[in-house]
């Protein structure tokens, strides 16, 4: 019997994280969207101005009997640089910030504990600056954003930036792939 739970987080452009997590066993769906801002039903054109307060995020529905929240967060941290404030590579602005939107206290505690553990391990040269905030709402991104990286692997951004990340992800988490 499935135990469906929801996780929401963002780490720069949502195309990469969505593509990777949709390949993971136990993930029912990973949907690109917007969260943590002050405008209802924002559009991509509004988001990219950086004035809505939203971050590009992924909302993940997963079967907690197959994969747990901490494992998803470990994958999330593998897919982006959580030490850069309001940027991922060439994507700059608050809409590209590293953020975890927790749905309950268990997720909050797990996120804080994992960040502390990762900082102690010294994986990155700088400390993790991922924002942790209580989940309030989620607005799915426009239809053309859903599955974008997998549908458009030859698009330059996807080929140069996302393709290598997905290859590394698939190698590191090969035992978790569907």
N, C-alpha and C. Protein backbone atom coordinates (compact mmCIF):
# COMPACT_ATOMS: atom_id res chain seq x y z
N UNK A 1 0.84 -1.18 0.00
CA UNK A 1 0.00 0.00 0.00
C UNK A 1 0.88 1.24 0.00
N UNK A 2 0.57 2.18 -0.89
CA UNK A 2 1.36 3.41 -1.00
C UNK A 2 1.10 4.35 0.17
N UNK A 3 2.13 5.08 0.54
CA UNK A 3 2.04 6.13 1.55
C UNK A 3 2.54 7.40 0.88
N UNK A 4 1.63 8.12 0.21
CA UNK A 4 2.02 9.28 -0.59
C UNK A 4 2.23 10.50 0.31
N UNK A 5 3.39 11.11 0.14
CA UNK A 5 3.74 12.35 0.85
C UNK A 5 4.23 13.36 -0.17
N UNK A 6 4.38 14.60 0.28
CA UNK A 6 4.80 15.69 -0.62
C UNK A 6 6.03 16.38 -0.06
N UNK A 7 6.96 16.68 -0.95
CA UNK A 7 8.15 17.45 -0.63
C UNK A 7 8.23 18.59 -1.64
N UNK A 8 8.71 19.74 -1.19
CA UNK A 8 8.84 20.89 -2.08
C UNK A 8 10.18 21.55 -1.83
N UNK A 9 10.97 21.70 -2.91
CA UNK A 9 12.25 22.39 -2.79
C UNK A 9 12.71 22.93 -4.12
N UNK A 10 13.61 23.90 -4.05
CA UNK A 10 14.13 24.53 -5.26
C UNK A 10 15.62 24.73 -5.17
N UNK A 11 16.27 24.57 -6.31
CA UNK A 11 17.73 24.73 -6.37
C UNK A 11 18.14 25.28 -7.72
N UNK A 12 17.68 26.48 -8.04
CA UNK A 12 17.99 27.06 -9.33
C UNK A 12 16.92 26.71 -10.33
N UNK A 13 17.29 26.58 -11.58
CA UNK A 13 16.35 26.25 -12.64
C UNK A 13 15.68 24.91 -12.31
N UNK A 14 14.36 24.87 -12.40
CA UNK A 14 13.64 23.66 -12.02
C UNK A 14 13.75 22.53 -13.02
N UNK A 15 14.15 22.79 -14.24
CA UNK A 15 14.18 21.75 -15.26
C UNK A 15 15.05 20.56 -14.86
N UNK A 16 16.22 20.82 -14.30
CA UNK A 16 17.17 19.75 -13.96
C UNK A 16 16.66 18.87 -12.82
N UNK A 17 16.25 19.49 -11.74
CA UNK A 17 15.82 18.72 -10.57
C UNK A 17 14.58 17.91 -10.91
N UNK A 18 13.66 18.51 -11.66
CA UNK A 18 12.46 17.78 -12.06
C UNK A 18 12.82 16.56 -12.90
N UNK A 19 13.71 16.74 -13.87
CA UNK A 19 14.11 15.64 -14.76
C UNK A 19 14.73 14.49 -13.96
N UNK A 20 15.61 14.83 -13.04
CA UNK A 20 16.29 13.80 -12.25
C UNK A 20 15.31 13.06 -11.35
N UNK A 21 14.50 13.79 -10.60
CA UNK A 21 13.64 13.14 -9.62
C UNK A 21 12.53 12.32 -10.27
N UNK A 22 12.10 12.69 -11.45
CA UNK A 22 11.09 11.88 -12.13
C UNK A 22 11.63 10.52 -12.56
N UNK A 23 12.93 10.31 -12.47
CA UNK A 23 13.54 9.03 -12.81
C UNK A 23 13.71 8.12 -11.58
N UNK A 24 13.36 8.63 -10.41
CA UNK A 24 13.65 7.93 -9.15
C UNK A 24 12.50 7.03 -8.73
N UNK A 25 12.86 5.81 -8.35
CA UNK A 25 11.91 4.85 -7.81
C UNK A 25 11.25 5.44 -6.57
N UNK A 26 9.95 5.34 -6.49
CA UNK A 26 9.22 5.88 -5.35
C UNK A 26 8.66 7.27 -5.60
N UNK A 27 9.19 7.96 -6.60
CA UNK A 27 8.64 9.28 -6.95
C UNK A 27 7.46 9.06 -7.89
N UNK A 28 6.30 9.51 -7.45
CA UNK A 28 5.10 9.40 -8.26
C UNK A 28 5.11 10.49 -9.33
N UNK A 29 5.48 11.71 -8.91
CA UNK A 29 5.61 12.82 -9.86
C UNK A 29 6.47 13.92 -9.25
N UNK A 30 7.18 14.61 -10.12
CA UNK A 30 7.92 15.82 -9.75
C UNK A 30 7.45 16.88 -10.72
N UNK A 31 6.90 17.96 -10.18
CA UNK A 31 6.27 18.99 -10.99
C UNK A 31 6.99 20.32 -10.79
N UNK A 32 7.35 20.97 -11.89
CA UNK A 32 7.97 22.29 -11.81
C UNK A 32 6.92 23.33 -11.47
N UNK A 33 7.33 24.31 -10.65
CA UNK A 33 6.39 25.37 -10.29
C UNK A 33 7.06 26.48 -9.51
N UNK A 34 6.23 27.25 -8.85
CA UNK A 34 6.69 28.44 -8.13
C UNK A 34 6.11 28.42 -6.72
N UNK A 35 6.92 28.90 -5.75
CA UNK A 35 6.47 28.94 -4.37
C UNK A 35 7.27 29.98 -3.59
N UNK A 36 6.79 30.29 -2.41
CA UNK A 36 7.47 31.16 -1.44
C UNK A 36 7.48 32.63 -1.84
N UNK A 37 6.48 33.04 -2.60
CA UNK A 37 6.39 34.44 -2.99
C UNK A 37 5.12 35.09 -2.48
N UNK A 38 4.84 36.29 -2.99
CA UNK A 38 3.70 37.06 -2.50
C UNK A 38 2.64 37.35 -3.56
N UNK A 39 2.76 36.76 -4.72
CA UNK A 39 1.77 36.98 -5.79
C UNK A 39 1.04 35.67 -6.08
N UNK A 40 -0.29 35.73 -6.17
CA UNK A 40 -1.06 34.53 -6.50
C UNK A 40 -0.94 34.23 -7.99
N UNK A 41 -0.86 32.94 -8.30
CA UNK A 41 -0.80 32.47 -9.68
C UNK A 41 0.19 33.24 -10.57
N UNK A 42 1.44 33.29 -10.16
CA UNK A 42 2.41 34.02 -10.97
C UNK A 42 2.72 33.28 -12.28
N UNK A 43 3.12 34.04 -13.27
CA UNK A 43 3.54 33.46 -14.54
C UNK A 43 5.07 33.42 -14.57
N UNK A 44 5.59 32.63 -15.49
CA UNK A 44 7.04 32.57 -15.66
C UNK A 44 7.60 33.96 -15.97
N UNK A 45 6.91 34.73 -16.81
CA UNK A 45 7.38 36.07 -17.15
C UNK A 45 7.44 36.97 -15.93
N UNK A 46 6.56 36.78 -14.97
CA UNK A 46 6.60 37.55 -13.73
C UNK A 46 7.71 37.04 -12.81
N UNK A 47 7.88 35.73 -12.75
CA UNK A 47 8.89 35.13 -11.88
C UNK A 47 10.29 35.60 -12.26
N UNK A 48 10.60 35.60 -13.55
CA UNK A 48 11.98 35.89 -13.96
C UNK A 48 12.39 37.33 -13.70
N UNK A 49 11.43 38.20 -13.37
CA UNK A 49 11.80 39.57 -13.01
C UNK A 49 12.39 39.63 -11.60
N UNK A 50 12.14 38.59 -10.80
CA UNK A 50 12.63 38.57 -9.42
C UNK A 50 11.80 39.42 -8.47
N UNK A 51 10.67 39.95 -8.93
CA UNK A 51 9.89 40.86 -8.09
C UNK A 51 8.72 40.19 -7.36
N UNK A 52 8.44 38.93 -7.65
CA UNK A 52 7.30 38.26 -7.03
C UNK A 52 7.67 37.56 -5.72
N UNK A 53 8.96 37.41 -5.47
CA UNK A 53 9.41 36.71 -4.26
C UNK A 53 9.44 35.20 -4.40
N UNK A 54 8.91 34.67 -5.49
CA UNK A 54 8.85 33.23 -5.67
C UNK A 54 10.20 32.65 -6.06
N UNK A 55 10.35 31.39 -5.78
CA UNK A 55 11.50 30.60 -6.25
C UNK A 55 10.98 29.57 -7.23
N UNK A 56 11.80 29.21 -8.20
CA UNK A 56 11.48 28.07 -9.04
C UNK A 56 11.69 26.83 -8.18
N UNK A 57 10.65 26.02 -8.06
CA UNK A 57 10.70 24.85 -7.17
C UNK A 57 10.17 23.61 -7.87
N UNK A 58 10.37 22.50 -7.23
CA UNK A 58 9.81 21.23 -7.65
C UNK A 58 8.94 20.73 -6.51
N UNK A 59 7.72 20.32 -6.85
CA UNK A 59 6.88 19.67 -5.85
C UNK A 59 6.86 18.18 -6.19
N UNK A 60 7.27 17.38 -5.22
CA UNK A 60 7.46 15.95 -5.42
C UNK A 60 6.41 15.18 -4.63
N UNK A 61 5.65 14.35 -5.33
CA UNK A 61 4.78 13.38 -4.68
C UNK A 61 5.55 12.07 -4.68
N UNK A 62 5.70 11.48 -3.50
CA UNK A 62 6.50 10.26 -3.40
C UNK A 62 5.86 9.27 -2.44
N UNK A 63 6.21 8.01 -2.65
CA UNK A 63 5.74 6.93 -1.80
C UNK A 63 6.76 6.75 -0.69
N UNK A 64 6.40 7.17 0.51
CA UNK A 64 7.31 7.11 1.66
C UNK A 64 7.62 5.67 2.07
N UNK A 65 6.89 4.69 1.54
CA UNK A 65 7.24 3.29 1.79
C UNK A 65 8.39 2.83 0.89
N UNK A 66 8.70 3.62 -0.14
CA UNK A 66 9.77 3.27 -1.07
C UNK A 66 11.00 4.15 -0.86
N UNK A 67 10.81 5.44 -0.71
CA UNK A 67 11.90 6.40 -0.54
C UNK A 67 11.51 7.38 0.55
N UNK A 68 12.47 7.76 1.37
CA UNK A 68 12.12 8.69 2.44
C UNK A 68 12.56 10.12 2.12
N UNK A 69 12.10 11.04 2.93
CA UNK A 69 12.35 12.46 2.73
C UNK A 69 13.84 12.78 2.76
N UNK A 70 14.59 12.18 3.68
CA UNK A 70 16.02 12.46 3.76
C UNK A 70 16.74 12.01 2.48
N UNK A 71 16.34 10.90 1.92
CA UNK A 71 16.97 10.44 0.67
C UNK A 71 16.68 11.43 -0.46
N UNK A 72 15.45 11.92 -0.54
CA UNK A 72 15.12 12.92 -1.55
C UNK A 72 15.96 14.18 -1.36
N UNK A 73 16.11 14.60 -0.11
CA UNK A 73 16.93 15.79 0.15
C UNK A 73 18.39 15.55 -0.23
N UNK A 74 18.90 14.36 0.01
CA UNK A 74 20.28 14.04 -0.39
C UNK A 74 20.44 14.16 -1.90
N UNK A 75 19.44 13.72 -2.63
CA UNK A 75 19.46 13.85 -4.09
C UNK A 75 19.38 15.32 -4.49
N UNK A 76 18.53 16.06 -3.84
CA UNK A 76 18.38 17.49 -4.09
C UNK A 76 19.72 18.21 -3.91
N UNK A 77 20.43 17.91 -2.84
CA UNK A 77 21.71 18.57 -2.60
C UNK A 77 22.77 18.16 -3.62
N UNK A 78 22.64 16.99 -4.20
CA UNK A 78 23.56 16.54 -5.24
C UNK A 78 23.33 17.30 -6.54
N UNK A 79 22.13 17.78 -6.76
CA UNK A 79 21.75 18.37 -8.05
C UNK A 79 22.00 19.87 -8.18
N UNK A 80 22.44 20.53 -7.12
CA UNK A 80 22.71 21.96 -7.21
C UNK A 80 23.76 22.35 -6.18
N UNK A 81 24.21 23.59 -6.26
CA UNK A 81 25.17 24.12 -5.29
C UNK A 81 24.41 24.87 -4.22
N UNK A 82 24.28 24.31 -3.03
CA UNK A 82 23.49 24.95 -1.98
C UNK A 82 24.26 26.04 -1.21
N UNK A 83 25.43 26.39 -1.70
CA UNK A 83 26.26 27.38 -0.99
C UNK A 83 26.27 28.74 -1.67
N UNK A 84 25.57 28.88 -2.79
CA UNK A 84 25.54 30.17 -3.48
C UNK A 84 24.21 30.84 -3.23
N UNK A 85 24.24 32.04 -2.74
CA UNK A 85 23.03 32.78 -2.40
C UNK A 85 22.39 33.36 -3.66
N UNK A 86 21.15 33.00 -3.89
CA UNK A 86 20.37 33.57 -4.99
C UNK A 86 21.00 33.39 -6.37
N UNK A 87 21.61 32.22 -6.57
CA UNK A 87 22.16 31.94 -7.90
C UNK A 87 22.50 30.47 -8.02
N UNK A 88 22.45 30.02 -9.27
CA UNK A 88 22.95 28.70 -9.65
C UNK A 88 23.63 28.91 -11.00
N UNK A 89 24.94 28.88 -11.01
CA UNK A 89 25.67 29.11 -12.24
C UNK A 89 25.37 30.47 -12.82
N UNK A 90 24.92 30.51 -14.08
CA UNK A 90 24.59 31.78 -14.73
C UNK A 90 23.21 32.29 -14.38
N UNK A 91 22.40 31.49 -13.70
CA UNK A 91 21.06 31.92 -13.29
C UNK A 91 21.18 32.69 -11.98
N UNK A 92 20.87 34.00 -12.04
CA UNK A 92 21.05 34.87 -10.88
C UNK A 92 19.72 35.53 -10.52
N UNK A 93 19.42 35.56 -9.24
CA UNK A 93 18.21 36.20 -8.73
C UNK A 93 17.57 35.35 -7.65
N UNK A 94 16.72 35.96 -6.87
CA UNK A 94 16.07 35.24 -5.76
C UNK A 94 15.22 34.08 -6.26
N UNK A 95 14.76 34.15 -7.51
CA UNK A 95 13.95 33.07 -8.06
C UNK A 95 14.76 31.79 -8.25
N UNK A 96 16.10 31.89 -8.18
CA UNK A 96 16.98 30.72 -8.34
C UNK A 96 17.62 30.30 -7.02
N UNK A 97 17.08 30.78 -5.91
CA UNK A 97 17.68 30.46 -4.61
C UNK A 97 17.48 28.99 -4.25
N UNK A 98 18.35 28.52 -3.39
CA UNK A 98 18.22 27.18 -2.82
C UNK A 98 17.25 27.29 -1.66
N UNK A 99 16.18 26.48 -1.72
CA UNK A 99 15.13 26.59 -0.70
C UNK A 99 14.49 25.23 -0.45
N UNK A 100 14.19 24.99 0.80
CA UNK A 100 13.41 23.81 1.22
C UNK A 100 12.15 24.34 1.88
N UNK A 101 11.01 23.92 1.37
CA UNK A 101 9.73 24.32 1.93
C UNK A 101 9.14 23.11 2.66
N UNK A 102 9.23 23.14 3.98
CA UNK A 102 8.81 21.97 4.75
C UNK A 102 7.29 21.97 4.96
N UNK A 103 6.72 20.75 4.94
CA UNK A 103 5.28 20.57 5.09
C UNK A 103 4.88 20.22 6.52
N UNK A 104 5.84 19.81 7.33
CA UNK A 104 5.54 19.49 8.73
C UNK A 104 6.84 19.55 9.53
N UNK A 105 6.72 19.40 10.84
CA UNK A 105 7.90 19.50 11.71
C UNK A 105 8.91 18.39 11.45
N UNK A 106 8.45 17.22 11.05
CA UNK A 106 9.38 16.13 10.75
C UNK A 106 10.27 16.52 9.57
N UNK A 107 9.69 17.12 8.52
CA UNK A 107 10.50 17.57 7.39
C UNK A 107 11.45 18.68 7.81
N UNK A 108 10.98 19.60 8.63
CA UNK A 108 11.85 20.68 9.13
C UNK A 108 13.05 20.10 9.86
N UNK A 109 12.81 19.20 10.79
CA UNK A 109 13.90 18.61 11.57
C UNK A 109 14.85 17.82 10.69
N UNK A 110 14.32 17.07 9.74
CA UNK A 110 15.17 16.30 8.83
C UNK A 110 16.05 17.22 8.00
N UNK A 111 15.47 18.30 7.48
CA UNK A 111 16.24 19.25 6.66
C UNK A 111 17.34 19.90 7.49
N UNK A 112 17.02 20.36 8.69
CA UNK A 112 18.02 21.01 9.54
C UNK A 112 19.13 20.02 9.91
N UNK A 113 18.77 18.80 10.26
CA UNK A 113 19.78 17.79 10.63
C UNK A 113 20.68 17.45 9.45
N UNK A 114 20.11 17.29 8.26
CA UNK A 114 20.92 16.95 7.09
C UNK A 114 21.85 18.10 6.73
N UNK A 115 21.38 19.32 6.78
CA UNK A 115 22.24 20.47 6.49
C UNK A 115 23.39 20.54 7.49
N UNK A 116 23.10 20.33 8.76
CA UNK A 116 24.17 20.33 9.77
C UNK A 116 25.19 19.24 9.49
N UNK A 117 24.70 18.05 9.14
CA UNK A 117 25.58 16.93 8.84
C UNK A 117 26.45 17.23 7.61
N UNK A 118 25.84 17.75 6.56
CA UNK A 118 26.59 18.06 5.33
C UNK A 118 27.62 19.17 5.57
N UNK A 119 27.26 20.17 6.36
CA UNK A 119 28.22 21.23 6.68
C UNK A 119 29.42 20.66 7.45
N UNK A 120 29.15 19.75 8.39
CA UNK A 120 30.24 19.14 9.16
C UNK A 120 31.15 18.28 8.28
N UNK A 121 30.57 17.65 7.26
CA UNK A 121 31.37 16.84 6.35
C UNK A 121 32.29 17.69 5.46
N UNK A 122 31.97 18.97 5.33
CA UNK A 122 32.82 19.87 4.54
C UNK A 122 32.87 19.52 3.06
N UNK A 123 31.76 19.09 2.51
CA UNK A 123 31.70 18.71 1.10
C UNK A 123 31.96 19.93 0.21
N UNK A 124 31.44 21.07 0.60
CA UNK A 124 31.63 22.30 -0.16
C UNK A 124 32.59 23.22 0.59
N UNK A 125 33.21 24.14 -0.13
CA UNK A 125 34.14 25.09 0.48
C UNK A 125 33.44 26.10 1.37
N UNK A 126 32.19 26.37 1.08
CA UNK A 126 31.39 27.34 1.83
C UNK A 126 30.25 26.61 2.55
N UNK A 127 29.70 27.20 3.61
CA UNK A 127 28.56 26.57 4.28
C UNK A 127 27.30 26.64 3.42
N UNK A 128 26.40 25.73 3.65
CA UNK A 128 25.12 25.69 2.95
C UNK A 128 24.30 26.91 3.36
N UNK A 129 23.74 27.60 2.38
CA UNK A 129 22.90 28.77 2.66
C UNK A 129 21.46 28.55 2.20
N UNK A 130 21.06 27.30 2.09
CA UNK A 130 19.70 26.96 1.67
C UNK A 130 18.69 27.52 2.66
N UNK A 131 17.73 28.24 2.13
CA UNK A 131 16.65 28.79 2.96
C UNK A 131 15.71 27.65 3.34
N UNK A 132 15.28 27.64 4.59
CA UNK A 132 14.28 26.67 5.05
C UNK A 132 13.08 27.48 5.50
N UNK A 133 11.94 27.19 4.88
CA UNK A 133 10.75 27.99 5.13
C UNK A 133 9.53 27.08 5.14
N UNK A 134 8.53 27.42 5.95
CA UNK A 134 7.30 26.63 5.97
C UNK A 134 6.57 26.77 4.64
N UNK A 135 6.12 25.64 4.13
CA UNK A 135 5.35 25.60 2.89
C UNK A 135 4.04 26.35 3.07
N UNK A 136 3.71 27.17 2.06
CA UNK A 136 2.42 27.86 2.07
C UNK A 136 1.59 27.53 0.84
N UNK A 137 2.22 27.58 -0.33
CA UNK A 137 1.47 27.33 -1.55
C UNK A 137 2.40 26.91 -2.67
N UNK A 138 1.80 26.39 -3.71
CA UNK A 138 2.55 25.95 -4.89
C UNK A 138 1.71 26.24 -6.12
N UNK A 139 2.36 26.85 -7.11
CA UNK A 139 1.70 27.15 -8.38
C UNK A 139 2.45 26.40 -9.46
N UNK A 140 1.82 25.43 -10.10
CA UNK A 140 2.51 24.70 -11.18
C UNK A 140 2.96 25.67 -12.28
N UNK A 141 4.14 25.41 -12.81
CA UNK A 141 4.63 26.21 -13.93
C UNK A 141 3.82 25.89 -15.17
N UNK A 142 3.96 26.72 -16.17
CA UNK A 142 3.26 26.54 -17.42
C UNK A 142 3.57 25.16 -18.01
N UNK A 143 2.64 24.67 -18.80
CA UNK A 143 2.73 23.31 -19.36
C UNK A 143 4.06 23.05 -20.07
N UNK A 144 4.56 24.01 -20.82
CA UNK A 144 5.78 23.78 -21.59
C UNK A 144 7.02 23.58 -20.70
N UNK A 145 6.95 23.97 -19.43
CA UNK A 145 8.08 23.73 -18.52
C UNK A 145 8.11 22.29 -18.00
N UNK A 146 6.96 21.63 -17.97
CA UNK A 146 6.88 20.28 -17.40
C UNK A 146 7.62 19.30 -18.31
N UNK A 147 8.62 18.63 -17.76
CA UNK A 147 9.39 17.66 -18.52
C UNK A 147 10.30 18.29 -19.57
N UNK A 148 10.57 19.57 -19.44
CA UNK A 148 11.30 20.31 -20.47
C UNK A 148 12.66 19.70 -20.80
N UNK A 149 13.45 19.40 -19.81
CA UNK A 149 14.82 18.90 -20.05
C UNK A 149 14.81 17.56 -20.77
N UNK A 150 13.88 16.70 -20.42
CA UNK A 150 13.82 15.38 -21.07
C UNK A 150 13.25 15.47 -22.49
N UNK A 151 12.39 16.44 -22.73
CA UNK A 151 11.81 16.62 -24.07
C UNK A 151 12.73 17.39 -25.01
N UNK A 152 13.68 18.15 -24.44
CA UNK A 152 14.53 19.04 -25.23
C UNK A 152 16.01 18.86 -24.91
N UNK A 153 16.54 17.64 -24.97
CA UNK A 153 17.94 17.42 -24.57
C UNK A 153 18.96 18.13 -25.46
N UNK A 154 18.59 18.49 -26.69
CA UNK A 154 19.52 19.17 -27.60
C UNK A 154 19.49 20.69 -27.43
N UNK A 155 18.52 21.22 -26.69
CA UNK A 155 18.48 22.66 -26.45
C UNK A 155 19.78 23.01 -25.73
N UNK A 156 20.48 24.09 -26.12
CA UNK A 156 21.82 24.38 -25.58
C UNK A 156 21.91 24.37 -24.05
N UNK A 157 20.99 24.99 -23.35
CA UNK A 157 21.04 25.01 -21.88
C UNK A 157 20.95 23.59 -21.34
N UNK A 158 20.05 22.80 -21.91
CA UNK A 158 19.88 21.42 -21.47
C UNK A 158 21.11 20.57 -21.79
N UNK A 159 21.63 20.72 -23.01
CA UNK A 159 22.77 19.90 -23.44
C UNK A 159 24.03 20.22 -22.65
N UNK A 160 24.28 21.49 -22.40
CA UNK A 160 25.54 21.90 -21.76
C UNK A 160 25.47 21.81 -20.24
N UNK A 161 24.36 22.23 -19.64
CA UNK A 161 24.28 22.29 -18.18
C UNK A 161 23.53 21.12 -17.54
N UNK A 162 22.41 20.77 -18.09
CA UNK A 162 21.58 19.75 -17.45
C UNK A 162 22.06 18.34 -17.79
N UNK A 163 22.42 18.10 -19.04
CA UNK A 163 22.85 16.76 -19.45
C UNK A 163 23.94 16.18 -18.57
N UNK A 164 25.05 16.90 -18.36
CA UNK A 164 26.11 16.37 -17.49
C UNK A 164 25.66 16.14 -16.04
N UNK A 165 24.79 17.02 -15.52
CA UNK A 165 24.29 16.83 -14.16
C UNK A 165 23.45 15.55 -14.06
N UNK A 166 22.63 15.33 -15.08
CA UNK A 166 21.79 14.12 -15.08
C UNK A 166 22.64 12.86 -15.18
N UNK A 167 23.69 12.90 -16.00
CA UNK A 167 24.59 11.74 -16.10
C UNK A 167 25.23 11.44 -14.76
N UNK A 168 25.72 12.47 -14.09
CA UNK A 168 26.35 12.28 -12.77
C UNK A 168 25.33 11.76 -11.76
N UNK A 169 24.13 12.33 -11.80
CA UNK A 169 23.06 11.90 -10.90
C UNK A 169 22.72 10.43 -11.13
N UNK A 170 22.56 10.05 -12.40
CA UNK A 170 22.20 8.67 -12.72
C UNK A 170 23.29 7.69 -12.31
N UNK A 171 24.53 8.10 -12.40
CA UNK A 171 25.63 7.24 -11.95
C UNK A 171 25.61 7.10 -10.43
N UNK A 172 25.51 8.23 -9.74
CA UNK A 172 25.56 8.20 -8.28
C UNK A 172 24.35 7.48 -7.66
N UNK A 173 23.19 7.65 -8.27
CA UNK A 173 21.97 7.08 -7.69
C UNK A 173 21.38 5.97 -8.55
N UNK A 174 22.24 5.24 -9.27
CA UNK A 174 21.76 4.21 -10.19
C UNK A 174 20.87 3.17 -9.52
N UNK A 175 21.09 2.89 -8.26
CA UNK A 175 20.26 1.91 -7.55
C UNK A 175 18.87 2.45 -7.21
N UNK A 176 18.68 3.73 -7.39
CA UNK A 176 17.38 4.35 -7.11
C UNK A 176 16.56 4.62 -8.36
N UNK A 177 17.10 4.35 -9.54
CA UNK A 177 16.40 4.67 -10.77
C UNK A 177 15.27 3.67 -11.06
N UNK A 178 14.22 4.15 -11.69
CA UNK A 178 13.07 3.29 -12.05
C UNK A 178 13.50 2.31 -13.12
